[in-house]
Amino acid sequence: MKKLIYASLSIGLFACESTEKTPAESKPITIENNTEMNSTSIYTLNYETPSGEEKNLSEYKGKVMLVVNTATKCGLTPQFEGLEYLNKTYSDKGLKVLGFPCNQFGGQEPLTNEEMVETCKVNHGVTFELAKKIEVNGANLHPIYSHLKAAQKLDDENDIRWNFEKFLVNKDGVVVKRFAPQVTPLEIEEEIKNLL
């Protein structure tokens, strides 16, 4: 049993340490499922900023949202630059990039909320909004991620697979696409442009 756990941890850590794509990863993996949530609108959901201020997603009605779970110590962390590029390029056209830091994948977001914001700003030039650290899987699943995952289900287990899994929400608040962690922000630029 211990060998199985160690092997699983090793595979998980290796997956985030390497940013080089294998041939199987070179094709973007996306899930498109136009399931609309009947009972809950995404605009009724709240989150907290790193300083503890409560905010509501209704502030972004009429905007396209790109929601991503982030981590500062992951091999996919260079995606912060791509997310910031999308933010700077399209925020004036109606894009809202929201980062939800999470420490559930290999402990790769160990920083406090304040340290995390500063690290993202200094090391990656991040100006898009980051939330307070949350959980995206399990018993303490944040309601925003419960909604996102219910709207864009995977065929098998519906958990968030790793850091930097992305969800695209249209101007009407419908979650229209889910992107695997290895899909870079630049690979989804056209999808975003089509929704703006």
N, C-alpha and C. Protein backbone atom coordinates (compact mmCIF):
# COMPACT_ATOMS: atom_id res chain seq x y z
N MET A 1 0.83 -1.20 0.00
CA MET A 1 0.00 0.00 0.00
C MET A 1 0.87 1.25 0.00
N LYS A 2 1.94 1.24 0.85
CA LYS A 2 2.83 2.40 0.90
C LYS A 2 3.48 2.65 -0.45
N LYS A 3 3.87 1.55 -1.13
CA LYS A 3 4.50 1.69 -2.45
C LYS A 3 3.55 2.35 -3.43
N LEU A 4 2.28 1.98 -3.39
CA LEU A 4 1.28 2.56 -4.27
C LEU A 4 1.10 4.04 -3.99
N ILE A 5 1.06 4.42 -2.72
CA ILE A 5 0.92 5.83 -2.35
C ILE A 5 2.13 6.62 -2.81
N TYR A 6 3.34 6.09 -2.56
CA TYR A 6 4.55 6.78 -2.99
C TYR A 6 4.62 6.91 -4.50
N ALA A 7 4.21 5.86 -5.21
CA ALA A 7 4.22 5.91 -6.67
C ALA A 7 3.25 6.97 -7.16
N SER A 8 2.07 7.05 -6.55
CA SER A 8 1.07 8.05 -6.96
C SER A 8 1.59 9.45 -6.70
N LEU A 9 2.22 9.66 -5.54
CA LEU A 9 2.76 10.98 -5.23
C LEU A 9 3.87 11.35 -6.19
N SER A 10 4.72 10.40 -6.51
CA SER A 10 5.84 10.67 -7.42
C SER A 10 5.33 11.06 -8.79
N ILE A 11 4.32 10.35 -9.27
CA ILE A 11 3.75 10.68 -10.58
C ILE A 11 3.14 12.06 -10.55
N GLY A 12 2.38 12.38 -9.49
CA GLY A 12 1.75 13.70 -9.37
C GLY A 12 2.76 14.81 -9.32
N LEU A 13 3.83 14.63 -8.55
CA LEU A 13 4.85 15.67 -8.45
C LEU A 13 5.59 15.82 -9.75
N PHE A 14 5.88 14.70 -10.43
CA PHE A 14 6.57 14.77 -11.72
C PHE A 14 5.73 15.52 -12.74
N ALA A 15 4.42 15.29 -12.71
CA ALA A 15 3.53 15.93 -13.68
C ALA A 15 3.58 17.43 -13.58
N CYS A 16 3.83 17.96 -12.41
CA CYS A 16 3.85 19.41 -12.27
C CYS A 16 5.25 19.98 -12.34
N GLU A 17 6.27 19.16 -12.21
CA GLU A 17 7.63 19.67 -12.29
C GLU A 17 8.06 19.89 -13.72
N SER A 18 7.47 19.20 -14.64
CA SER A 18 7.90 19.31 -16.03
C SER A 18 6.91 20.15 -16.81
N THR A 19 7.41 21.13 -17.53
CA THR A 19 6.54 21.92 -18.40
C THR A 19 6.68 21.47 -19.84
N GLU A 20 7.57 20.52 -20.09
CA GLU A 20 7.76 20.00 -21.42
C GLU A 20 6.62 19.05 -21.74
N LYS A 21 6.05 19.16 -22.93
CA LYS A 21 4.91 18.32 -23.29
C LYS A 21 5.38 17.04 -23.96
N THR A 22 4.73 15.95 -23.60
CA THR A 22 4.95 14.70 -24.30
C THR A 22 4.04 14.71 -25.52
N PRO A 23 4.26 13.85 -26.48
CA PRO A 23 3.40 13.84 -27.67
C PRO A 23 1.92 13.70 -27.33
N ALA A 24 1.58 12.94 -26.30
CA ALA A 24 0.17 12.77 -25.93
C ALA A 24 -0.42 14.04 -25.38
N GLU A 25 0.41 14.93 -24.83
CA GLU A 25 -0.09 16.16 -24.24
C GLU A 25 -0.11 17.31 -25.24
N SER A 26 0.45 17.12 -26.43
CA SER A 26 0.60 18.24 -27.34
C SER A 26 -0.73 18.74 -27.90
N LYS A 27 -1.76 17.89 -27.91
CA LYS A 27 -3.06 18.31 -28.38
C LYS A 27 -3.88 18.82 -27.20
N PRO A 28 -4.43 20.04 -27.29
CA PRO A 28 -5.22 20.57 -26.18
C PRO A 28 -6.42 19.68 -25.86
N ILE A 29 -6.64 19.47 -24.56
CA ILE A 29 -7.78 18.68 -24.11
C ILE A 29 -8.81 19.67 -23.57
N THR A 30 -9.99 19.67 -24.17
CA THR A 30 -11.04 20.56 -23.70
C THR A 30 -12.32 19.76 -23.56
N ILE A 31 -13.17 20.25 -22.70
CA ILE A 31 -14.48 19.65 -22.50
C ILE A 31 -15.50 20.73 -22.82
N GLU A 32 -16.41 20.43 -23.72
CA GLU A 32 -17.48 21.38 -24.03
C GLU A 32 -18.80 20.70 -23.77
N ASN A 33 -19.57 21.29 -22.90
CA ASN A 33 -20.83 20.69 -22.49
C ASN A 33 -21.72 21.86 -22.10
N ASN A 34 -22.73 22.11 -22.85
CA ASN A 34 -23.54 23.30 -22.61
C ASN A 34 -24.62 23.08 -21.56
N THR A 35 -24.29 22.38 -20.51
CA THR A 35 -25.22 22.15 -19.40
C THR A 35 -25.38 23.46 -18.64
N GLU A 36 -26.60 23.92 -18.51
CA GLU A 36 -26.84 25.13 -17.73
C GLU A 36 -27.31 24.75 -16.34
N MET A 37 -26.88 25.50 -15.36
CA MET A 37 -27.27 25.24 -13.99
C MET A 37 -28.65 25.86 -13.76
N ASN A 38 -29.61 25.06 -13.36
CA ASN A 38 -30.96 25.56 -13.15
C ASN A 38 -31.15 26.16 -11.77
N SER A 39 -30.56 25.53 -10.75
CA SER A 39 -30.86 25.95 -9.39
C SER A 39 -30.02 27.13 -8.92
N THR A 40 -28.80 27.26 -9.43
CA THR A 40 -27.92 28.30 -8.94
C THR A 40 -27.29 29.05 -10.11
N SER A 41 -27.38 30.35 -10.07
CA SER A 41 -26.67 31.17 -11.05
C SER A 41 -25.27 31.42 -10.52
N ILE A 42 -24.31 31.44 -11.41
CA ILE A 42 -22.94 31.73 -10.99
C ILE A 42 -22.87 33.11 -10.33
N TYR A 43 -23.80 33.99 -10.71
CA TYR A 43 -23.78 35.36 -10.19
C TYR A 43 -24.26 35.47 -8.74
N THR A 44 -24.71 34.37 -8.15
CA THR A 44 -25.10 34.40 -6.73
C THR A 44 -23.94 33.98 -5.82
N LEU A 45 -22.83 33.57 -6.42
CA LEU A 45 -21.73 33.00 -5.64
C LEU A 45 -20.71 34.04 -5.20
N ASN A 46 -20.20 33.85 -3.99
CA ASN A 46 -19.23 34.77 -3.38
C ASN A 46 -17.86 34.14 -3.26
N TYR A 47 -16.86 34.98 -3.11
CA TYR A 47 -15.50 34.55 -2.79
C TYR A 47 -14.84 35.66 -1.98
N GLU A 48 -13.70 35.35 -1.39
CA GLU A 48 -12.97 36.35 -0.62
C GLU A 48 -11.67 36.71 -1.30
N THR A 49 -11.29 37.98 -1.18
CA THR A 49 -9.99 38.42 -1.65
C THR A 49 -8.93 37.94 -0.65
N PRO A 50 -7.65 37.98 -1.01
CA PRO A 50 -6.61 37.58 -0.07
C PRO A 50 -6.65 38.34 1.26
N SER A 51 -7.16 39.58 1.25
CA SER A 51 -7.24 40.36 2.48
C SER A 51 -8.53 40.09 3.26
N GLY A 52 -9.41 39.20 2.72
CA GLY A 52 -10.62 38.83 3.44
C GLY A 52 -11.87 39.58 3.04
N GLU A 53 -11.79 40.48 2.06
CA GLU A 53 -12.97 41.20 1.59
C GLU A 53 -13.86 40.25 0.80
N GLU A 54 -15.17 40.24 1.12
CA GLU A 54 -16.09 39.37 0.38
C GLU A 54 -16.54 40.05 -0.91
N LYS A 55 -16.51 39.27 -1.99
CA LYS A 55 -16.95 39.78 -3.30
C LYS A 55 -17.94 38.79 -3.89
N ASN A 56 -18.73 39.28 -4.85
CA ASN A 56 -19.74 38.46 -5.49
C ASN A 56 -19.49 38.46 -7.00
N LEU A 57 -19.68 37.31 -7.63
CA LEU A 57 -19.44 37.21 -9.07
C LEU A 57 -20.43 38.04 -9.89
N SER A 58 -21.49 38.53 -9.27
CA SER A 58 -22.44 39.39 -10.00
C SER A 58 -21.76 40.67 -10.49
N GLU A 59 -20.62 41.02 -9.88
CA GLU A 59 -19.86 42.19 -10.34
C GLU A 59 -19.41 42.03 -11.79
N TYR A 60 -19.40 40.80 -12.28
CA TYR A 60 -18.86 40.53 -13.62
C TYR A 60 -19.94 40.14 -14.62
N LYS A 61 -21.21 40.44 -14.29
CA LYS A 61 -22.30 40.20 -15.25
C LYS A 61 -21.97 40.94 -16.54
N GLY A 62 -22.19 40.28 -17.66
CA GLY A 62 -21.93 40.89 -18.96
C GLY A 62 -20.47 40.78 -19.39
N LYS A 63 -19.63 40.16 -18.57
CA LYS A 63 -18.22 39.95 -18.93
C LYS A 63 -17.97 38.47 -19.18
N VAL A 64 -16.95 38.18 -19.95
CA VAL A 64 -16.46 36.81 -20.10
C VAL A 64 -15.49 36.58 -18.96
N MET A 65 -15.63 35.45 -18.25
CA MET A 65 -14.73 35.15 -17.14
C MET A 65 -13.87 33.93 -17.48
N LEU A 66 -12.60 34.03 -17.16
CA LEU A 66 -11.69 32.90 -17.22
C LEU A 66 -11.29 32.61 -15.78
N VAL A 67 -11.71 31.45 -15.28
CA VAL A 67 -11.49 31.08 -13.88
C VAL A 67 -10.47 29.96 -13.85
N VAL A 68 -9.43 30.13 -13.04
CA VAL A 68 -8.33 29.15 -13.01
C VAL A 68 -7.84 28.95 -11.58
N ASN A 69 -7.57 27.69 -11.21
CA ASN A 69 -6.96 27.42 -9.91
C ASN A 69 -5.44 27.51 -10.09
N THR A 70 -4.79 28.25 -9.23
CA THR A 70 -3.37 28.58 -9.42
C THR A 70 -2.50 28.06 -8.28
N ALA A 71 -1.19 28.06 -8.53
CA ALA A 71 -0.20 27.70 -7.51
C ALA A 71 1.13 28.33 -7.91
N THR A 72 1.87 28.83 -6.95
CA THR A 72 3.12 29.54 -7.23
C THR A 72 4.34 28.64 -7.30
N LYS A 73 4.24 27.39 -6.88
CA LYS A 73 5.40 26.49 -6.82
C LYS A 73 5.26 25.30 -7.77
N CYS A 74 4.50 25.44 -8.83
CA CYS A 74 4.20 24.35 -9.76
C CYS A 74 4.99 24.52 -11.05
N GLY A 75 5.26 23.42 -11.72
CA GLY A 75 5.92 23.49 -13.02
C GLY A 75 5.08 24.20 -14.06
N LEU A 76 3.78 24.32 -13.82
CA LEU A 76 2.89 25.04 -14.72
C LEU A 76 2.77 26.52 -14.36
N THR A 77 3.47 26.94 -13.32
CA THR A 77 3.42 28.33 -12.85
C THR A 77 3.74 29.35 -13.95
N PRO A 78 4.60 29.04 -14.95
CA PRO A 78 4.80 30.01 -16.03
C PRO A 78 3.52 30.40 -16.76
N GLN A 79 2.44 29.65 -16.56
CA GLN A 79 1.17 30.04 -17.17
C GLN A 79 0.65 31.37 -16.62
N PHE A 80 1.16 31.80 -15.46
CA PHE A 80 0.77 33.12 -14.95
C PHE A 80 1.02 34.20 -16.00
N GLU A 81 2.15 34.11 -16.72
CA GLU A 81 2.46 35.12 -17.73
C GLU A 81 1.42 35.13 -18.84
N GLY A 82 0.99 33.94 -19.28
CA GLY A 82 -0.04 33.87 -20.31
C GLY A 82 -1.38 34.39 -19.83
N LEU A 83 -1.71 34.09 -18.59
CA LEU A 83 -2.95 34.62 -18.02
C LEU A 83 -2.90 36.14 -17.94
N GLU A 84 -1.74 36.66 -17.56
CA GLU A 84 -1.59 38.12 -17.48
C GLU A 84 -1.66 38.75 -18.87
N TYR A 85 -1.09 38.08 -19.87
CA TYR A 85 -1.20 38.57 -21.25
C TYR A 85 -2.68 38.69 -21.64
N LEU A 86 -3.46 37.64 -21.37
CA LEU A 86 -4.90 37.69 -21.70
C LEU A 86 -5.59 38.81 -20.94
N ASN A 87 -5.24 38.96 -19.67
CA ASN A 87 -5.82 40.02 -18.85
C ASN A 87 -5.53 41.39 -19.45
N LYS A 88 -4.27 41.66 -19.74
CA LYS A 88 -3.89 42.99 -20.27
C LYS A 88 -4.47 43.23 -21.66
N THR A 89 -4.54 42.20 -22.47
CA THR A 89 -5.00 42.35 -23.85
C THR A 89 -6.51 42.50 -23.95
N TYR A 90 -7.25 41.78 -23.10
CA TYR A 90 -8.70 41.71 -23.30
C TYR A 90 -9.55 42.25 -22.15
N SER A 91 -8.96 42.72 -21.08
CA SER A 91 -9.80 43.21 -19.97
C SER A 91 -10.63 44.42 -20.40
N ASP A 92 -10.08 45.28 -21.24
CA ASP A 92 -10.84 46.44 -21.72
C ASP A 92 -11.96 46.04 -22.68
N LYS A 93 -11.87 44.82 -23.20
CA LYS A 93 -12.89 44.33 -24.14
C LYS A 93 -13.94 43.47 -23.43
N GLY A 94 -13.76 43.27 -22.11
CA GLY A 94 -14.78 42.55 -21.36
C GLY A 94 -14.35 41.22 -20.76
N LEU A 95 -13.05 40.94 -20.68
CA LEU A 95 -12.58 39.70 -20.05
C LEU A 95 -12.22 39.96 -18.60
N LYS A 96 -12.63 39.04 -17.72
CA LYS A 96 -12.23 39.07 -16.32
C LYS A 96 -11.51 37.76 -16.01
N VAL A 97 -10.21 37.87 -15.69
CA VAL A 97 -9.43 36.71 -15.29
C VAL A 97 -9.45 36.64 -13.77
N LEU A 98 -9.83 35.48 -13.24
CA LEU A 98 -9.89 35.28 -11.79
C LEU A 98 -9.05 34.06 -11.43
N GLY A 99 -8.07 34.27 -10.56
CA GLY A 99 -7.23 33.18 -10.08
C GLY A 99 -7.65 32.75 -8.68
N PHE A 100 -7.84 31.46 -8.50
CA PHE A 100 -8.20 30.90 -7.20
C PHE A 100 -7.06 29.99 -6.73
N PRO A 101 -6.14 30.51 -5.93
CA PRO A 101 -5.03 29.71 -5.43
C PRO A 101 -5.51 28.51 -4.62
N CYS A 102 -4.79 27.41 -4.77
CA CYS A 102 -5.17 26.17 -4.11
C CYS A 102 -3.90 25.40 -3.75
N ASN A 103 -3.89 24.79 -2.57
CA ASN A 103 -2.73 24.05 -2.10
C ASN A 103 -2.99 22.54 -2.07
N GLN A 104 -3.95 22.06 -2.84
CA GLN A 104 -4.34 20.65 -2.79
C GLN A 104 -3.50 19.73 -3.68
N PHE A 105 -2.66 20.28 -4.52
CA PHE A 105 -1.91 19.47 -5.47
C PHE A 105 -0.42 19.53 -5.14
N GLY A 106 0.03 18.55 -4.39
CA GLY A 106 1.44 18.47 -4.04
C GLY A 106 1.92 19.59 -3.12
N GLY A 107 1.00 20.28 -2.45
CA GLY A 107 1.39 21.37 -1.55
C GLY A 107 2.11 22.49 -2.28
N GLN A 108 1.70 22.76 -3.53
CA GLN A 108 2.43 23.70 -4.37
C GLN A 108 1.96 25.15 -4.25
N GLU A 109 1.09 25.42 -3.27
CA GLU A 109 0.74 26.80 -2.92
C GLU A 109 0.86 26.94 -1.41
N PRO A 110 2.11 26.88 -0.89
CA PRO A 110 2.32 26.90 0.55
C PRO A 110 2.33 28.30 1.16
N LEU A 111 2.36 29.32 0.32
CA LEU A 111 2.50 30.69 0.82
C LEU A 111 1.22 31.17 1.48
N THR A 112 1.36 32.16 2.36
CA THR A 112 0.18 32.82 2.91
C THR A 112 -0.48 33.61 1.78
N ASN A 113 -1.70 34.05 2.00
CA ASN A 113 -2.40 34.82 0.97
C ASN A 113 -1.61 36.07 0.58
N GLU A 114 -1.06 36.75 1.56
CA GLU A 114 -0.31 37.99 1.29
C GLU A 114 0.98 37.70 0.52
N GLU A 115 1.72 36.65 0.94
CA GLU A 115 2.96 36.28 0.25
C GLU A 115 2.69 35.85 -1.18
N MET A 116 1.59 35.14 -1.37
CA MET A 116 1.22 34.64 -2.69
C MET A 116 0.96 35.79 -3.65
N VAL A 117 0.20 36.79 -3.22
CA VAL A 117 -0.10 37.94 -4.06
C VAL A 117 1.19 38.66 -4.44
N GLU A 118 2.06 38.87 -3.47
CA GLU A 118 3.33 39.56 -3.73
C GLU A 118 4.22 38.76 -4.68
N THR A 119 4.30 37.45 -4.48
CA THR A 119 5.10 36.59 -5.35
C THR A 119 4.58 36.63 -6.78
N CYS A 120 3.28 36.56 -6.95
CA CYS A 120 2.69 36.60 -8.29
C CYS A 120 2.96 37.94 -8.97
N LYS A 121 2.90 39.01 -8.20
CA LYS A 121 3.13 40.35 -8.75
C LYS A 121 4.60 40.54 -9.13
N VAL A 122 5.50 40.21 -8.22
CA VAL A 122 6.94 40.44 -8.43
C VAL A 122 7.52 39.47 -9.45
N ASN A 123 7.22 38.18 -9.31
CA ASN A 123 7.85 37.16 -10.16
C ASN A 123 7.16 36.96 -11.51
N HIS A 124 5.87 37.28 -11.60
CA HIS A 124 5.12 36.97 -12.82
C HIS A 124 4.37 38.17 -13.39
N GLY A 125 4.46 39.32 -12.76
CA GLY A 125 3.80 40.52 -13.27
C GLY A 125 2.29 40.48 -13.20
N VAL A 126 1.74 39.67 -12.30
CA VAL A 126 0.29 39.48 -12.23
C VAL A 126 -0.41 40.73 -11.72
N THR A 127 -1.37 41.20 -12.50
CA THR A 127 -2.25 42.28 -12.07
C THR A 127 -3.71 41.84 -12.04
N PHE A 128 -4.00 40.65 -12.60
CA PHE A 128 -5.39 40.17 -12.56
C PHE A 128 -5.71 39.74 -11.13
N GLU A 129 -6.99 39.61 -10.87
CA GLU A 129 -7.44 39.38 -9.50
C GLU A 129 -7.18 37.96 -9.02
N LEU A 130 -6.61 37.87 -7.83
CA LEU A 130 -6.43 36.60 -7.14
C LEU A 130 -7.34 36.58 -5.92
N ALA A 131 -7.92 35.42 -5.66
CA ALA A 131 -8.78 35.26 -4.49
C ALA A 131 -7.98 34.69 -3.33
N LYS A 132 -8.63 34.60 -2.20
CA LYS A 132 -8.07 33.92 -1.04
C LYS A 132 -7.97 32.43 -1.38
N LYS A 133 -6.98 31.75 -0.82
CA LYS A 133 -6.79 30.33 -1.08
C LYS A 133 -8.05 29.53 -0.77
N ILE A 134 -8.38 28.61 -1.67
CA ILE A 134 -9.58 27.78 -1.50
C ILE A 134 -9.23 26.32 -1.77
N GLU A 135 -10.23 25.44 -1.59
CA GLU A 135 -10.12 24.05 -2.01
C GLU A 135 -11.05 23.83 -3.19
N VAL A 136 -10.56 23.09 -4.19
CA VAL A 136 -11.31 22.88 -5.42
C VAL A 136 -11.84 21.45 -5.54
N ASN A 137 -11.46 20.59 -4.62
CA ASN A 137 -11.92 19.20 -4.55
C ASN A 137 -12.20 18.85 -3.09
N GLY A 138 -12.97 17.79 -2.88
CA GLY A 138 -13.13 17.24 -1.54
C GLY A 138 -14.23 17.87 -0.70
N ALA A 139 -14.18 17.55 0.59
CA ALA A 139 -15.23 17.95 1.54
C ALA A 139 -15.36 19.46 1.69
N ASN A 140 -14.24 20.20 1.53
CA ASN A 140 -14.28 21.66 1.68
C ASN A 140 -14.30 22.38 0.34
N LEU A 141 -14.86 21.73 -0.66
CA LEU A 141 -14.98 22.28 -2.00
C LEU A 141 -15.66 23.65 -1.96
N HIS A 142 -15.04 24.64 -2.58
CA HIS A 142 -15.62 25.99 -2.64
C HIS A 142 -16.85 25.97 -3.55
N PRO A 143 -17.93 26.68 -3.18
CA PRO A 143 -19.15 26.69 -3.99
C PRO A 143 -18.93 27.10 -5.45
N ILE A 144 -18.01 28.00 -5.71
CA ILE A 144 -17.75 28.39 -7.11
C ILE A 144 -17.25 27.18 -7.89
N TYR A 145 -16.36 26.40 -7.30
CA TYR A 145 -15.85 25.22 -8.00
C TYR A 145 -16.87 24.10 -8.07
N SER A 146 -17.76 24.02 -7.12
CA SER A 146 -18.86 23.07 -7.20
C SER A 146 -19.72 23.39 -8.42
N HIS A 147 -20.01 24.66 -8.60
CA HIS A 147 -20.81 25.11 -9.75
C HIS A 147 -20.08 24.86 -11.07
N LEU A 148 -18.81 25.23 -11.14
CA LEU A 148 -18.04 25.07 -12.37
C LEU A 148 -17.96 23.60 -12.78
N LYS A 149 -17.66 22.74 -11.82
CA LYS A 149 -17.50 21.32 -12.12
C LYS A 149 -18.83 20.67 -12.50
N ALA A 150 -19.92 21.10 -11.89
CA ALA A 150 -21.24 20.56 -12.23
C ALA A 150 -21.64 20.98 -13.65
N ALA A 151 -21.24 22.17 -14.05
CA ALA A 151 -21.60 22.69 -15.37
C ALA A 151 -20.77 22.08 -16.48
N GLN A 152 -19.54 21.69 -16.19
CA GLN A 152 -18.65 21.10 -17.19
C GLN A 152 -18.04 19.82 -16.63
N LYS A 153 -18.82 18.76 -16.67
CA LYS A 153 -18.41 17.48 -16.08
C LYS A 153 -17.45 16.74 -17.00
N LEU A 154 -16.52 16.04 -16.38
CA LEU A 154 -15.65 15.13 -17.10
C LEU A 154 -16.35 13.79 -17.23
N ASP A 155 -15.92 12.97 -18.17
CA ASP A 155 -16.55 11.67 -18.39
C ASP A 155 -16.35 10.72 -17.21
N ASP A 156 -15.17 10.79 -16.59
CA ASP A 156 -14.92 9.88 -15.48
C ASP A 156 -15.01 10.65 -14.17
N GLU A 157 -14.01 10.60 -13.34
CA GLU A 157 -14.01 11.35 -12.09
C GLU A 157 -14.03 12.84 -12.41
N ASN A 158 -14.82 13.59 -11.69
CA ASN A 158 -15.03 15.01 -12.04
C ASN A 158 -14.15 15.96 -11.23
N ASP A 159 -13.14 15.46 -10.57
CA ASP A 159 -12.26 16.34 -9.79
C ASP A 159 -11.44 17.25 -10.68
N ILE A 160 -11.03 18.38 -10.11
CA ILE A 160 -10.02 19.21 -10.77
C ILE A 160 -8.76 18.35 -10.81
N ARG A 161 -8.10 18.29 -11.96
CA ARG A 161 -7.01 17.35 -12.17
C ARG A 161 -5.66 17.83 -11.64
N TRP A 162 -5.43 19.14 -11.66
CA TRP A 162 -4.15 19.68 -11.19
C TRP A 162 -4.26 21.19 -11.18
N ASN A 163 -3.18 21.86 -10.80
CA ASN A 163 -3.13 23.32 -10.85
C ASN A 163 -3.32 23.79 -12.29
N PHE A 164 -3.95 24.94 -12.43
CA PHE A 164 -4.13 25.63 -13.71
C PHE A 164 -5.17 24.97 -14.62
N GLU A 165 -6.15 24.26 -14.05
CA GLU A 165 -7.32 23.85 -14.83
C GLU A 165 -8.16 25.11 -15.03
N LYS A 166 -8.73 25.28 -16.21
CA LYS A 166 -9.39 26.54 -16.55
C LYS A 166 -10.84 26.33 -16.96
N PHE A 167 -11.68 27.30 -16.60
CA PHE A 167 -13.09 27.31 -16.99
C PHE A 167 -13.38 28.64 -17.68
N LEU A 168 -14.12 28.56 -18.77
CA LEU A 168 -14.51 29.76 -19.51
C LEU A 168 -16.01 29.96 -19.33
N VAL A 169 -16.38 31.15 -18.89
CA VAL A 169 -17.78 31.50 -18.61
C VAL A 169 -18.17 32.63 -19.55
N ASN A 170 -19.29 32.47 -20.26
CA ASN A 170 -19.69 33.51 -21.22
C ASN A 170 -20.35 34.70 -20.53
N LYS A 171 -20.74 35.70 -21.33
CA LYS A 171 -21.29 36.95 -20.80
C LYS A 171 -22.62 36.75 -20.07
N ASP A 172 -23.28 35.61 -20.32
CA ASP A 172 -24.56 35.31 -19.66
C ASP A 172 -24.37 34.48 -18.39
N GLY A 173 -23.13 34.20 -18.03
CA GLY A 173 -22.86 33.43 -16.82
C GLY A 173 -22.91 31.93 -17.01
N VAL A 174 -22.92 31.47 -18.27
CA VAL A 174 -22.95 30.04 -18.57
C VAL A 174 -21.51 29.55 -18.70
N VAL A 175 -21.19 28.47 -17.99
CA VAL A 175 -19.86 27.86 -18.06
C VAL A 175 -19.82 27.06 -19.36
N VAL A 176 -19.05 27.54 -20.35
CA VAL A 176 -19.11 26.95 -21.68
C VAL A 176 -17.98 25.98 -22.00
N LYS A 177 -16.85 26.09 -21.32
CA LYS A 177 -15.73 25.19 -21.61
C LYS A 177 -14.88 24.96 -20.37
N ARG A 178 -14.24 23.80 -20.37
CA ARG A 178 -13.29 23.40 -19.32
C ARG A 178 -12.02 22.95 -20.03
N PHE A 179 -10.87 23.46 -19.57
CA PHE A 179 -9.60 23.16 -20.20
C PHE A 179 -8.67 22.46 -19.22
N ALA A 180 -7.99 21.43 -19.70
CA ALA A 180 -7.03 20.69 -18.89
C ALA A 180 -5.89 21.61 -18.46
N PRO A 181 -5.23 21.28 -17.35
CA PRO A 181 -4.15 22.12 -16.85
C PRO A 181 -3.04 22.40 -17.86
N GLN A 182 -2.71 21.43 -18.70
CA GLN A 182 -1.62 21.60 -19.65
C GLN A 182 -1.96 22.52 -20.81
N VAL A 183 -3.24 22.82 -21.01
CA VAL A 183 -3.64 23.75 -22.07
C VAL A 183 -3.24 25.15 -21.63
N THR A 184 -2.41 25.80 -22.41
CA THR A 184 -1.89 27.10 -22.01
C THR A 184 -2.91 28.21 -22.27
N PRO A 185 -2.76 29.32 -21.58
CA PRO A 185 -3.66 30.45 -21.83
C PRO A 185 -3.67 30.89 -23.30
N LEU A 186 -2.53 30.87 -23.96
CA LEU A 186 -2.48 31.31 -25.35
C LEU A 186 -3.23 30.36 -26.28
N GLU A 187 -3.33 29.09 -25.89
CA GLU A 187 -4.07 28.13 -26.70
C GLU A 187 -5.58 28.36 -26.66
N ILE A 188 -6.05 29.14 -25.70
CA ILE A 188 -7.50 29.39 -25.62
C ILE A 188 -7.85 30.84 -25.98
N GLU A 189 -6.88 31.58 -26.48
CA GLU A 189 -7.10 32.98 -26.82
C GLU A 189 -8.23 33.15 -27.84
N GLU A 190 -8.25 32.32 -28.88
CA GLU A 190 -9.31 32.44 -29.90
C GLU A 190 -10.69 32.17 -29.33
N GLU A 191 -10.77 31.19 -28.41
CA GLU A 191 -12.05 30.87 -27.76
C GLU A 191 -12.56 32.11 -27.01
N ILE A 192 -11.65 32.78 -26.33
CA ILE A 192 -12.01 33.98 -25.57
C ILE A 192 -12.47 35.09 -26.52
N LYS A 193 -11.72 35.31 -27.57
CA LYS A 193 -12.07 36.36 -28.54
C LYS A 193 -13.45 36.12 -29.13
N ASN A 194 -13.79 34.86 -29.38
CA ASN A 194 -15.10 34.55 -29.94
C ASN A 194 -16.25 34.86 -28.99
N LEU A 195 -15.98 34.89 -27.69
CA LEU A 195 -17.03 35.17 -26.70
C LEU A 195 -17.15 36.65 -26.37
N LEU A 196 -16.12 37.43 -26.66
CA LEU A 196 -16.14 38.86 -26.30
C LEU A 196 -17.04 39.66 -27.21
